Amino acid sequence: MADTRLRTPLGRALGLGSAKEGVGHWWAQRVSAVALVPLGLWFCISLISLAGADRVTLIAWLHGPVAAVLMILTIGAVFYHAALGLQVVIEDYAPNEATKIAGVVLVKLAALLLGVAGIYAVLKLAFGA
């Protein structure tokens, strides 16, 4: 192994810098967070307006195209944003590379599975429960 004291600062830094991928991830997190602000407000207002409603009322509400589309967008944005955030946490705190890779893959698969299940449930209720 080469003695690092004999290498120039540039030689020591090569391969340790930015992979030029972090900016895209950062922007995706910010855009999904901004999208979740109006979607989250809409969702909270909808829940408040539907408080105490029965199943028939909820299904009638989801039969509307605006409600169904906004619910699908909310589910997609929530799971996408959650997967991005958990990926950062895993990458920062995983003790080794194998744990990091396994954790990120598991989080992405879980987010995909739960997101698809949620969207399927909305579509099923919206188009004929």
Protein backbone atom coordinates (compact mmCIF):
# COMPACT_ATOMS: atom_id res chain seq x y z
CA MET A 1 0.00 0.00 0.00
CA ALA A 2 1.34 3.41 -0.97
CA ASP A 3 2.19 5.88 1.72
CA THR A 4 -0.42 8.66 1.52
CA ARG A 5 2.05 11.23 2.88
CA LEU A 6 3.97 11.04 -0.41
CA ARG A 7 0.91 11.82 -2.57
CA THR A 8 -0.18 15.29 -3.58
CA PRO A 9 -3.45 16.67 -2.19
CA LEU A 10 -5.05 16.19 -5.62
CA GLY A 11 -3.87 12.58 -5.73
CA ARG A 12 -5.40 11.91 -2.31
CA ALA A 13 -8.71 13.55 -3.29
CA LEU A 14 -9.20 11.79 -6.63
CA GLY A 15 -11.98 9.28 -6.38
CA LEU A 16 -13.24 10.73 -3.12
CA GLY A 17 -15.17 13.69 -4.46
CA SER A 18 -18.62 14.19 -5.82
CA ALA A 19 -19.99 11.52 -8.12
CA LYS A 20 -22.22 14.24 -9.64
CA GLU A 21 -25.33 12.26 -8.64
CA GLY A 22 -26.26 14.00 -5.42
CA VAL A 23 -27.75 17.08 -7.08
CA GLY A 24 -30.43 15.04 -8.87
CA HIS A 25 -31.37 13.28 -5.65
CA TRP A 26 -31.45 16.60 -3.79
CA TRP A 27 -33.71 18.17 -6.41
CA ALA A 28 -36.03 15.14 -6.45
CA GLN A 29 -36.45 15.40 -2.68
CA ARG A 30 -37.22 19.11 -2.87
CA VAL A 31 -39.65 18.79 -5.78
CA SER A 32 -41.51 15.92 -4.13
CA ALA A 33 -41.66 17.88 -0.86
CA VAL A 34 -43.09 20.92 -2.65
CA ALA A 35 -45.64 18.70 -4.42
CA LEU A 36 -46.66 17.21 -1.09
CA VAL A 37 -47.59 20.62 0.39
CA PRO A 38 -50.76 21.18 -1.70
CA LEU A 39 -51.48 17.45 -1.87
CA GLY A 40 -51.17 17.13 1.90
CA LEU A 41 -53.43 20.13 2.47
CA TRP A 42 -55.99 18.69 0.07
CA PHE A 43 -55.79 15.31 1.80
CA CYS A 44 -56.23 16.81 5.29
CA ILE A 45 -59.16 18.97 4.19
CA SER A 46 -60.73 15.94 2.52
CA LEU A 47 -60.33 13.83 5.65
CA ILE A 48 -61.90 16.54 7.78
CA SER A 49 -64.81 16.92 5.37
CA LEU A 50 -65.34 13.14 5.31
CA ALA A 51 -65.09 12.69 9.09
CA GLY A 52 -67.88 10.42 10.23
CA ALA A 53 -68.84 9.44 6.68
CA ASP A 54 -69.82 5.89 5.89
CA ARG A 55 -68.23 3.63 3.26
CA VAL A 56 -70.82 4.51 0.61
CA THR A 57 -70.04 8.22 0.96
CA LEU A 58 -66.29 7.58 0.73
CA ILE A 59 -66.71 5.48 -2.41
CA ALA A 60 -68.99 8.11 -3.95
CA TRP A 61 -66.32 10.73 -3.21
CA LEU A 62 -63.60 8.56 -4.83
CA HIS A 63 -65.78 8.04 -7.91
CA GLY A 64 -65.09 11.67 -8.77
CA PRO A 65 -62.14 11.99 -11.14
CA VAL A 66 -60.51 14.86 -9.24
CA ALA A 67 -60.52 13.01 -5.92
CA ALA A 68 -59.23 9.78 -7.46
CA VAL A 69 -56.44 11.47 -9.41
CA LEU A 70 -55.35 13.60 -6.45
CA MET A 71 -55.37 10.55 -4.17
CA ILE A 72 -53.18 8.62 -6.63
CA LEU A 73 -50.79 11.57 -6.93
CA THR A 74 -50.64 11.85 -3.14
CA ILE A 75 -49.86 8.16 -2.71
CA GLY A 76 -47.17 8.27 -5.40
CA ALA A 77 -45.56 11.43 -4.00
CA VAL A 78 -45.60 10.16 -0.41
CA PHE A 79 -43.90 6.87 -1.19
CA TYR A 80 -41.42 8.44 -3.61
CA HIS A 81 -40.46 11.12 -1.09
CA ALA A 82 -40.23 8.57 1.73
CA ALA A 83 -37.98 6.30 -0.33
CA LEU A 84 -35.67 9.21 -1.17
CA GLY A 85 -35.43 10.28 2.47
CA LEU A 86 -34.86 6.79 3.82
CA GLN A 87 -32.19 6.20 1.18
CA VAL A 88 -30.24 9.19 2.50
CA VAL A 89 -30.55 7.96 6.09
CA ILE A 90 -29.39 4.46 5.13
CA GLU A 91 -26.47 5.78 3.06
CA ASP A 92 -25.38 8.02 5.93
CA TYR A 93 -25.67 5.52 8.78
CA ALA A 94 -25.24 2.00 7.37
CA PRO A 95 -22.14 0.42 8.91
CA ASN A 96 -20.89 -1.23 5.71
CA GLU A 97 -21.50 -1.35 1.97
CA ALA A 98 -23.48 -4.61 1.99
CA THR A 99 -25.90 -3.32 4.61
CA LYS A 100 -26.22 -0.05 2.71
CA ILE A 101 -27.06 -1.77 -0.59
CA ALA A 102 -29.47 -4.21 1.03
CA GLY A 103 -31.20 -1.43 2.93
CA VAL A 104 -31.62 0.83 -0.08
CA VAL A 105 -32.94 -2.01 -2.25
CA LEU A 106 -35.35 -3.11 0.50
CA VAL A 107 -36.66 0.44 1.01
CA LYS A 108 -37.16 1.00 -2.72
CA LEU A 109 -38.96 -2.33 -3.15
CA ALA A 110 -41.17 -1.69 -0.11
CA ALA A 111 -42.05 1.82 -1.33
CA LEU A 112 -42.88 0.47 -4.78
CA LEU A 113 -44.98 -2.39 -3.40
CA LEU A 114 -46.90 -0.19 -0.94
CA GLY A 115 -47.38 2.57 -3.50
CA VAL A 116 -48.74 0.16 -6.11
CA ALA A 117 -51.02 -1.44 -3.49
CA GLY A 118 -52.36 1.98 -2.49
CA ILE A 119 -52.95 3.04 -6.09
CA TYR A 120 -54.65 -0.30 -6.81
CA ALA A 121 -56.96 0.22 -3.83
CA VAL A 122 -57.91 3.71 -5.04
CA LEU A 123 -58.57 2.45 -8.57
CA LYS A 124 -60.62 -0.46 -7.28
CA LEU A 125 -62.76 1.83 -5.16
CA ALA A 126 -63.03 4.48 -7.86
CA PHE A 127 -64.05 2.13 -10.67
CA GLY A 128 -66.27 -0.37 -8.92
CA ALA A 129 -65.84 -1.60 -5.42
